[in-house]
């Protein structure tokens, strides 16, 4: 049964990567604008309107999957060092 261990580990890392890429990197609120940056490079801007509603604008990074996987690998390596 150990013949599939590497495939199982690859899938486990891929699932962790997908979860990480949707996570919030940072959140900044100033001058009526809420900026939410995600780990995949996308940024969402929300501006409060006078009627109380929010106007949403997206900046899509469209980073390659390879570069995001490299960034995720660096974060995993850093976590191993500090644990």
PDB file of N, CA and C in Angstrom:
ATOM      1  N   UNK A   1       0.811  -1.199   0.000  1.00  0.00           N
ATOM      2  CA  UNK A   1       0.000   0.000   0.000  1.00  0.00           C
ATOM      3  C   UNK A   1       0.857   1.268   0.000  1.00  0.00           C
ATOM      4  N   UNK A   2       2.143   1.125   0.184  1.00  0.00           N
ATOM      5  CA  UNK A   2       2.998   2.320   0.222  1.00  0.00           C
ATOM      6  C   UNK A   2       3.314   2.850  -1.168  1.00  0.00           C
ATOM      7  N   UNK A   3       2.882   2.166  -2.216  1.00  0.00           N
ATOM      8  CA  UNK A   3       3.190   2.610  -3.570  1.00  0.00           C
ATOM      9  C   UNK A   3       2.470   3.909  -3.938  1.00  0.00           C
ATOM     10  N   UNK A   4       1.414   4.264  -3.218  1.00  0.00           N
ATOM     11  CA  UNK A   4       0.659   5.474  -3.529  1.00  0.00           C
ATOM     12  C   UNK A   4       0.918   6.615  -2.537  1.00  0.00           C
ATOM     13  N   UNK A   5       1.848   6.435  -1.629  1.00  0.00           N
ATOM     14  CA  UNK A   5       2.111   7.458  -0.618  1.00  0.00           C
ATOM     15  C   UNK A   5       2.472   8.806  -1.234  1.00  0.00           C
ATOM     16  N   UNK A   6       3.305   8.806  -2.274  1.00  0.00           N
ATOM     17  CA  UNK A   6       3.710  10.072  -2.884  1.00  0.00           C
ATOM     18  C   UNK A   6       2.534  10.771  -3.555  1.00  0.00           C
ATOM     19  N   UNK A   7       1.651  10.027  -4.182  1.00  0.00           N
ATOM     20  CA  UNK A   7       0.471  10.628  -4.811  1.00  0.00           C
ATOM     21  C   UNK A   7      -0.477  11.206  -3.769  1.00  0.00           C
ATOM     22  N   UNK A   8      -0.642  10.488  -2.677  1.00  0.00           N
ATOM     23  CA  UNK A   8      -1.508  10.959  -1.599  1.00  0.00           C
ATOM     24  C   UNK A   8      -0.934  12.249  -1.012  1.00  0.00           C
ATOM     25  N   UNK A   9       0.370  12.285  -0.795  1.00  0.00           N
ATOM     26  CA  UNK A   9       1.006  13.486  -0.246  1.00  0.00           C
ATOM     27  C   UNK A   9       0.891  14.658  -1.217  1.00  0.00           C
ATOM     28  N   UNK A  10       1.058  14.409  -2.523  1.00  0.00           N
ATOM     29  CA  UNK A  10       0.890  15.466  -3.534  1.00  0.00           C
ATOM     30  C   UNK A  10      -0.509  16.048  -3.472  1.00  0.00           C
ATOM     31  N   UNK A  11      -1.511  15.191  -3.384  1.00  0.00           N
ATOM     32  CA  UNK A  11      -2.895  15.651  -3.320  1.00  0.00           C
ATOM     33  C   UNK A  11      -3.151  16.427  -2.036  1.00  0.00           C
ATOM     34  N   UNK A  12      -2.576  15.987  -0.929  1.00  0.00           N
ATOM     35  CA  UNK A  12      -2.736  16.671   0.353  1.00  0.00           C
ATOM     36  C   UNK A  12      -2.165  18.088   0.265  1.00  0.00           C
ATOM     37  N   UNK A  13      -0.981  18.212  -0.334  1.00  0.00           N
ATOM     38  CA  UNK A  13      -0.360  19.532  -0.493  1.00  0.00           C
ATOM     39  C   UNK A  13      -1.185  20.389  -1.443  1.00  0.00           C
ATOM     40  N   UNK A  14      -1.693  19.812  -2.512  1.00  0.00           N
ATOM     41  CA  UNK A  14      -2.507  20.565  -3.475  1.00  0.00           C
ATOM     42  C   UNK A  14      -3.774  21.110  -2.812  1.00  0.00           C
ATOM     43  N   UNK A  15      -4.419  20.303  -1.967  1.00  0.00           N
ATOM     44  CA  UNK A  15      -5.620  20.761  -1.263  1.00  0.00           C
ATOM     45  C   UNK A  15      -5.290  21.878  -0.276  1.00  0.00           C
ATOM     46  N   UNK A  16      -4.156  21.761   0.424  1.00  0.00           N
ATOM     47  CA  UNK A  16      -3.732  22.830   1.337  1.00  0.00           C
ATOM     48  C   UNK A  16      -3.450  24.106   0.573  1.00  0.00           C
ATOM     49  N   UNK A  17      -2.824  23.967  -0.610  1.00  0.00           N
ATOM     50  CA  UNK A  17      -2.524  25.125  -1.450  1.00  0.00           C
ATOM     51  C   UNK A  17      -3.809  25.828  -1.884  1.00  0.00           C
ATOM     52  N   UNK A  18      -4.798  25.065  -2.333  1.00  0.00           N
ATOM     53  CA  UNK A  18      -6.053  25.657  -2.787  1.00  0.00           C
ATOM     54  C   UNK A  18      -6.753  26.403  -1.653  1.00  0.00           C
ATOM     55  N   UNK A  19      -6.712  25.837  -0.458  1.00  0.00           N
ATOM     56  CA  UNK A  19      -7.311  26.496   0.702  1.00  0.00           C
ATOM     57  C   UNK A  19      -6.537  27.771   1.040  1.00  0.00           C
ATOM     58  N   UNK A  20      -5.215  27.696   1.017  1.00  0.00           N
ATOM     59  CA  UNK A  20      -4.365  28.845   1.328  1.00  0.00           C
ATOM     60  C   UNK A  20      -4.586  29.979   0.324  1.00  0.00           C
ATOM     61  N   UNK A  21      -4.688  29.664  -0.958  1.00  0.00           N
ATOM     62  CA  UNK A  21      -4.787  30.698  -1.987  1.00  0.00           C
ATOM     63  C   UNK A  21      -6.066  31.524  -1.863  1.00  0.00           C
ATOM     64  N   UNK A  22      -7.113  30.983  -1.251  1.00  0.00           N
ATOM     65  CA  UNK A  22      -8.367  31.708  -1.070  1.00  0.00           C
ATOM     66  C   UNK A  22      -8.391  32.507   0.226  1.00  0.00           C
ATOM     67  N   UNK A  23      -7.366  32.333   1.067  1.00  0.00           N
ATOM     68  CA  UNK A  23      -7.323  33.004   2.355  1.00  0.00           C
ATOM     69  C   UNK A  23      -6.936  34.473   2.250  1.00  0.00           C
ATOM     70  N   UNK A  24      -7.232  35.222   3.303  1.00  0.00           N
ATOM     71  CA  UNK A  24      -6.945  36.652   3.346  1.00  0.00           C
ATOM     72  C   UNK A  24      -5.505  36.873   3.789  1.00  0.00           C
ATOM     73  N   UNK A  25      -4.778  37.672   3.007  1.00  0.00           N
ATOM     74  CA  UNK A  25      -3.399  38.021   3.339  1.00  0.00           C
ATOM     75  C   UNK A  25      -3.373  39.205   4.297  1.00  0.00           C
ATOM     76  N   UNK A  26      -4.110  40.262   3.951  1.00  0.00           N
ATOM     77  CA  UNK A  26      -4.251  41.399   4.859  1.00  0.00           C
ATOM     78  C   UNK A  26      -5.517  42.183   4.536  1.00  0.00           C
ATOM     79  N   UNK A  27      -5.923  42.984   5.508  1.00  0.00           N
ATOM     80  CA  UNK A  27      -7.125  43.798   5.397  1.00  0.00           C
ATOM     81  C   UNK A  27      -6.772  45.198   5.872  1.00  0.00           C
ATOM     82  N   UNK A  28      -7.077  46.199   5.051  1.00  0.00           N
ATOM     83  CA  UNK A  28      -6.783  47.590   5.410  1.00  0.00           C
ATOM     84  C   UNK A  28      -8.057  48.399   5.203  1.00  0.00           C
ATOM     85  N   UNK A  29      -8.420  49.197   6.198  1.00  0.00           N
ATOM     86  CA  UNK A  29      -9.580  50.079   6.083  1.00  0.00           C
ATOM     87  C   UNK A  29      -9.121  51.503   6.362  1.00  0.00           C
ATOM     88  N   UNK A  30      -9.268  52.375   5.361  1.00  0.00           N
ATOM     89  CA  UNK A  30      -8.899  53.780   5.547  1.00  0.00           C
ATOM     90  C   UNK A  30      -9.631  54.640   4.531  1.00  0.00           C
ATOM     91  N   UNK A  31      -9.979  55.841   4.939  1.00  0.00           N
ATOM     92  CA  UNK A  31     -10.653  56.813   4.072  1.00  0.00           C
ATOM     93  C   UNK A  31     -11.902  56.253   3.398  1.00  0.00           C
ATOM     94  N   UNK A  32     -12.645  55.434   4.094  1.00  0.00           N
ATOM     95  CA  UNK A  32     -13.889  54.897   3.556  1.00  0.00           C
ATOM     96  C   UNK A  32     -13.724  53.747   2.591  1.00  0.00           C
ATOM     97  N   UNK A  33     -12.506  53.242   2.421  1.00  0.00           N
ATOM     98  CA  UNK A  33     -12.249  52.129   1.507  1.00  0.00           C
ATOM     99  C   UNK A  33     -11.710  50.948   2.310  1.00  0.00           C
ATOM    100  N   UNK A  34     -12.298  49.778   2.087  1.00  0.00           N
ATOM    101  CA  UNK A  34     -11.805  48.548   2.712  1.00  0.00           C
ATOM    102  C   UNK A  34     -11.085  47.759   1.629  1.00  0.00           C
ATOM    103  N   UNK A  35      -9.794  47.527   1.842  1.00  0.00           N
ATOM    104  CA  UNK A  35      -8.974  46.773   0.887  1.00  0.00           C
ATOM    105  C   UNK A  35      -8.681  45.412   1.482  1.00  0.00           C
ATOM    106  N   UNK A  36      -9.106  44.369   0.789  1.00  0.00           N
ATOM    107  CA  UNK A  36      -8.869  43.000   1.232  1.00  0.00           C
ATOM    108  C   UNK A  36      -7.969  42.323   0.203  1.00  0.00           C
ATOM    109  N   UNK A  37      -6.757  41.958   0.621  1.00  0.00           N
ATOM    110  CA  UNK A  37      -5.809  41.278  -0.266  1.00  0.00           C
ATOM    111  C   UNK A  37      -5.825  39.792   0.063  1.00  0.00           C
ATOM    112  N   UNK A  38      -5.848  38.981  -0.974  1.00  0.00           N
ATOM    113  CA  UNK A  38      -5.875  37.531  -0.810  1.00  0.00           C
ATOM    114  C   UNK A  38      -4.516  36.938  -1.156  1.00  0.00           C
ATOM    115  N   UNK A  39      -4.243  35.743  -0.670  1.00  0.00           N
ATOM    116  CA  UNK A  39      -2.951  35.093  -0.883  1.00  0.00           C
ATOM    117  C   UNK A  39      -2.651  34.827  -2.356  1.00  0.00           C
ATOM    118  N   UNK A  40      -3.672  34.720  -3.190  1.00  0.00           N
ATOM    119  CA  UNK A  40      -3.438  34.470  -4.611  1.00  0.00           C
ATOM    120  C   UNK A  40      -3.125  35.747  -5.381  1.00  0.00           C
ATOM    121  N   UNK A  41      -3.074  36.893  -4.696  1.00  0.00           N
ATOM    122  CA  UNK A  41      -2.715  38.160  -5.326  1.00  0.00           C
ATOM    123  C   UNK A  41      -3.899  39.037  -5.668  1.00  0.00           C
ATOM    124  N   UNK A  42      -5.107  38.521  -5.616  1.00  0.00           N
ATOM    125  CA  UNK A  42      -6.289  39.331  -5.904  1.00  0.00           C
ATOM    126  C   UNK A  42      -6.532  40.327  -4.776  1.00  0.00           C
ATOM    127  N   UNK A  43      -7.086  41.486  -5.140  1.00  0.00           N
ATOM    128  CA  UNK A  43      -7.408  42.516  -4.159  1.00  0.00           C
ATOM    129  C   UNK A  43      -8.838  42.969  -4.397  1.00  0.00           C
ATOM    130  N   UNK A  44      -9.614  43.046  -3.325  1.00  0.00           N
ATOM    131  CA  UNK A  44     -11.001  43.516  -3.399  1.00  0.00           C
ATOM    132  C   UNK A  44     -11.089  44.853  -2.685  1.00  0.00           C
ATOM    133  N   UNK A  45     -11.629  45.861  -3.371  1.00  0.00           N
ATOM    134  CA  UNK A  45     -11.825  47.186  -2.798  1.00  0.00           C
ATOM    135  C   UNK A  45     -13.319  47.403  -2.590  1.00  0.00           C
ATOM    136  N   UNK A  46     -13.704  47.775  -1.381  1.00  0.00           N
ATOM    137  CA  UNK A  46     -15.097  48.081  -1.083  1.00  0.00           C
ATOM    138  C   UNK A  46     -15.178  49.524  -0.610  1.00  0.00           C
ATOM    139  N   UNK A  47     -16.013  50.316  -1.279  1.00  0.00           N
ATOM    140  CA  UNK A  47     -16.187  51.721  -0.938  1.00  0.00           C
ATOM    141  C   UNK A  47     -17.609  51.930  -0.439  1.00  0.00           C
ATOM    142  N   UNK A  48     -17.720  52.561   0.701  1.00  0.00           N
ATOM    143  CA  UNK A  48     -19.050  52.813   1.262  1.00  0.00           C
ATOM    144  C   UNK A  48     -19.683  53.996   0.540  1.00  0.00           C
ATOM    145  N   UNK A  49     -20.917  53.787   0.106  1.00  0.00           N
ATOM    146  CA  UNK A  49     -21.676  54.816  -0.604  1.00  0.00           C
ATOM    147  C   UNK A  49     -22.500  55.635   0.391  1.00  0.00           C
ATOM    148  N   UNK A  50     -22.917  56.844   0.011  1.00  0.00           N
ATOM    149  CA  UNK A  50     -23.707  57.687   0.927  1.00  0.00           C
ATOM    150  C   UNK A  50     -25.003  57.031   1.412  1.00  0.00           C
ATOM    151  N   UNK A  51     -25.586  56.141   0.612  1.00  0.00           N
ATOM    152  CA  UNK A  51     -26.828  55.479   1.034  1.00  0.00           C
ATOM    153  C   UNK A  51     -26.580  54.286   1.957  1.00  0.00           C
ATOM    154  N   UNK A  52     -25.317  54.004   2.286  1.00  0.00           N
ATOM    155  CA  UNK A  52     -24.984  52.914   3.202  1.00  0.00           C
ATOM    156  C   UNK A  52     -24.595  51.615   2.518  1.00  0.00           C
ATOM    157  N   UNK A  53     -24.772  51.545   1.214  1.00  0.00           N
ATOM    158  CA  UNK A  53     -24.391  50.329   0.498  1.00  0.00           C
ATOM    159  C   UNK A  53     -22.896  50.375   0.163  1.00  0.00           C
ATOM    160  N   UNK A  54     -22.389  49.272  -0.341  1.00  0.00           N
ATOM    161  CA  UNK A  54     -20.977  49.191  -0.696  1.00  0.00           C
ATOM    162  C   UNK A  54     -20.824  48.977  -2.196  1.00  0.00           C
ATOM    163  N   UNK A  55     -19.853  49.644  -2.781  1.00  0.00           N
ATOM    164  CA  UNK A  55     -19.477  49.434  -4.180  1.00  0.00           C
ATOM    165  C   UNK A  55     -18.208  48.589  -4.167  1.00  0.00           C
ATOM    166  N   UNK A  56     -18.208  47.471  -4.882  1.00  0.00           N
ATOM    167  CA  UNK A  56     -17.081  46.545  -4.877  1.00  0.00           C
ATOM    168  C   UNK A  56     -16.343  46.600  -6.211  1.00  0.00           C
ATOM    169  N   UNK A  57     -15.017  46.665  -6.114  1.00  0.00           N
ATOM    170  CA  UNK A  57     -14.162  46.657  -7.300  1.00  0.00           C
ATOM    171  C   UNK A  57     -13.058  45.620  -7.057  1.00  0.00           C
ATOM    172  N   UNK A  58     -12.748  44.819  -8.070  1.00  0.00           N
ATOM    173  CA  UNK A  58     -11.730  43.771  -7.952  1.00  0.00           C
ATOM    174  C   UNK A  58     -10.516  44.104  -8.802  1.00  0.00           C
ATOM    175  N   UNK A  59      -9.345  43.785  -8.268  1.00  0.00           N
ATOM    176  CA  UNK A  59      -8.104  43.780  -9.049  1.00  0.00           C
ATOM    177  C   UNK A  59      -7.644  42.328  -9.079  1.00  0.00           C
ATOM    178  N   UNK A  60      -7.705  41.697 -10.242  1.00  0.00           N
ATOM    179  CA  UNK A  60      -7.318  40.287 -10.380  1.00  0.00           C
ATOM    180  C   UNK A  60      -5.858  40.212 -10.800  1.00  0.00           C
ATOM    181  N   UNK A  61      -5.082  39.483 -10.032  1.00  0.00           N
ATOM    182  CA  UNK A  61      -3.641  39.366 -10.288  1.00  0.00           C
ATOM    183  C   UNK A  61      -3.346  38.412 -11.443  1.00  0.00           C
ATOM    184  N   UNK A  62      -4.112  37.344 -11.569  1.00  0.00           N
ATOM    185  CA  UNK A  62      -3.889  36.324 -12.604  1.00  0.00           C
ATOM    186  C   UNK A  62      -2.457  35.772 -12.570  1.00  0.00           C
ATOM    187  N   UNK A  63      -1.948  35.549 -11.380  1.00  0.00           N
ATOM    188  CA  UNK A  63      -0.612  34.969 -11.224  1.00  0.00           C
ATOM    189  C   UNK A  63      -0.638  33.516 -11.682  1.00  0.00           C
ATOM    190  N   UNK A  64       0.493  33.048 -12.177  1.00  0.00           N
ATOM    191  CA  UNK A  64       0.557  31.664 -12.641  1.00  0.00           C
ATOM    192  C   UNK A  64       0.476  30.704 -11.451  1.00  0.00           C
ATOM    193  N   UNK A  65      -0.054  29.541 -11.707  1.00  0.00           N
ATOM    194  CA  UNK A  65      -0.198  28.547 -10.651  1.00  0.00           C
ATOM    195  C   UNK A  65       1.178  28.134 -10.120  1.00  0.00           C
ATOM    196  N   UNK A  66       2.158  28.107 -11.001  1.00  0.00           N
ATOM    197  CA  UNK A  66       3.515  27.733 -10.594  1.00  0.00           C
ATOM    198  C   UNK A  66       4.098  28.734  -9.601  1.00  0.00           C
ATOM    199  N   UNK A  67       3.936  30.026  -9.867  1.00  0.00           N
ATOM    200  CA  UNK A  67       4.489  31.030  -8.953  1.00  0.00           C
ATOM    201  C   UNK A  67       3.759  31.009  -7.612  1.00  0.00           C
ATOM    202  N   UNK A  68       2.448  30.772  -7.639  1.00  0.00           N
ATOM    203  CA  UNK A  68       1.706  30.668  -6.383  1.00  0.00           C
ATOM    204  C   UNK A  68       2.117  29.433  -5.597  1.00  0.00           C
ATOM    205  N   UNK A  69       2.354  28.315  -6.283  1.00  0.00           N
ATOM    206  CA  UNK A  69       2.814  27.100  -5.595  1.00  0.00           C
ATOM    207  C   UNK A  69       4.188  27.326  -4.973  1.00  0.00           C
ATOM    208  N   UNK A  70       5.063  28.061  -5.667  1.00  0.00           N
ATOM    209  CA  UNK A  70       6.381  28.374  -5.101  1.00  0.00           C
ATOM    210  C   UNK A  70       6.241  29.215  -3.843  1.00  0.00           C
ATOM    211  N   UNK A  71       5.368  30.223  -3.888  1.00  0.00           N
ATOM    212  CA  UNK A  71       5.145  31.074  -2.712  1.00  0.00           C
ATOM    213  C   UNK A  71       4.582  30.253  -1.558  1.00  0.00           C
ATOM    214  N   UNK A  72       3.649  29.349  -1.870  1.00  0.00           N
ATOM    215  CA  UNK A  72       3.075  28.487  -0.848  1.00  0.00           C
ATOM    216  C   UNK A  72       4.142  27.573  -0.253  1.00  0.00           C
ATOM    217  N   UNK A  73       5.021  27.034  -1.089  1.00  0.00           N
ATOM    218  CA  UNK A  73       6.115  26.193  -0.603  1.00  0.00           C
ATOM    219  C   UNK A  73       7.044  26.943   0.329  1.00  0.00           C
ATOM    220  N   UNK A  74       7.312  28.213   0.027  1.00  0.00           N
ATOM    221  CA  UNK A  74       8.153  29.033   0.906  1.00  0.00           C
ATOM    222  C   UNK A  74       7.483  29.242   2.260  1.00  0.00           C
ATOM    223  N   UNK A  75       6.184  29.456   2.241  1.00  0.00           N
ATOM    224  CA  UNK A  75       5.465  29.643   3.502  1.00  0.00           C
ATOM    225  C   UNK A  75       5.486  28.365   4.331  1.00  0.00           C
ATOM    226  N   UNK A  76       5.296  27.217   3.685  1.00  0.00           N
ATOM    227  CA  UNK A  76       5.366  25.947   4.416  1.00  0.00           C
ATOM    228  C   UNK A  76       6.749  25.742   5.027  1.00  0.00           C
ATOM    229  N   UNK A  77       7.793  26.077   4.271  1.00  0.00           N
ATOM    230  CA  UNK A  77       9.155  25.933   4.778  1.00  0.00           C
ATOM    231  C   UNK A  77       9.390  26.857   5.972  1.00  0.00           C
ATOM    232  N   UNK A  78       8.901  28.084   5.890  1.00  0.00           N
ATOM    233  CA  UNK A  78       9.042  29.019   7.011  1.00  0.00           C
ATOM    234  C   UNK A  78       8.314  28.534   8.250  1.00  0.00           C
ATOM    235  N   UNK A  79       7.148  27.959   8.055  1.00  0.00           N
ATOM    236  CA  UNK A  79       6.384  27.450   9.206  1.00  0.00           C
ATOM    237  C   UNK A  79       7.125  26.296   9.891  1.00  0.00           C
ATOM    238  N   UNK A  80       7.788  25.447   9.080  1.00  0.00           N
ATOM    239  CA  UNK A  80       8.531  24.323   9.669  1.00  0.00           C
ATOM    240  C   UNK A  80       9.688  24.811  10.521  1.00  0.00           C
ATOM    241  N   UNK A  81      10.321  25.898  10.085  1.00  0.00           N
ATOM    242  CA  UNK A  81      11.460  26.441  10.818  1.00  0.00           C
ATOM    243  C   UNK A  81      11.027  26.982  12.172  1.00  0.00           C
ATOM    244  N   UNK A  82       9.885  27.667  12.218  1.00  0.00           N
ATOM    245  CA  UNK A  82       9.463  28.352  13.434  1.00  0.00           C
ATOM    246  C   UNK A  82       8.592  27.507  14.329  1.00  0.00           C
ATOM    247  N   UNK A  83       8.314  26.281  13.977  1.00  0.00           N
ATOM    248  CA  UNK A  83       7.483  25.439  14.857  1.00  0.00           C
ATOM    249  C   UNK A  83       8.320  24.608  15.761  1.00  0.00           C
TER     250      UNK A  83
END
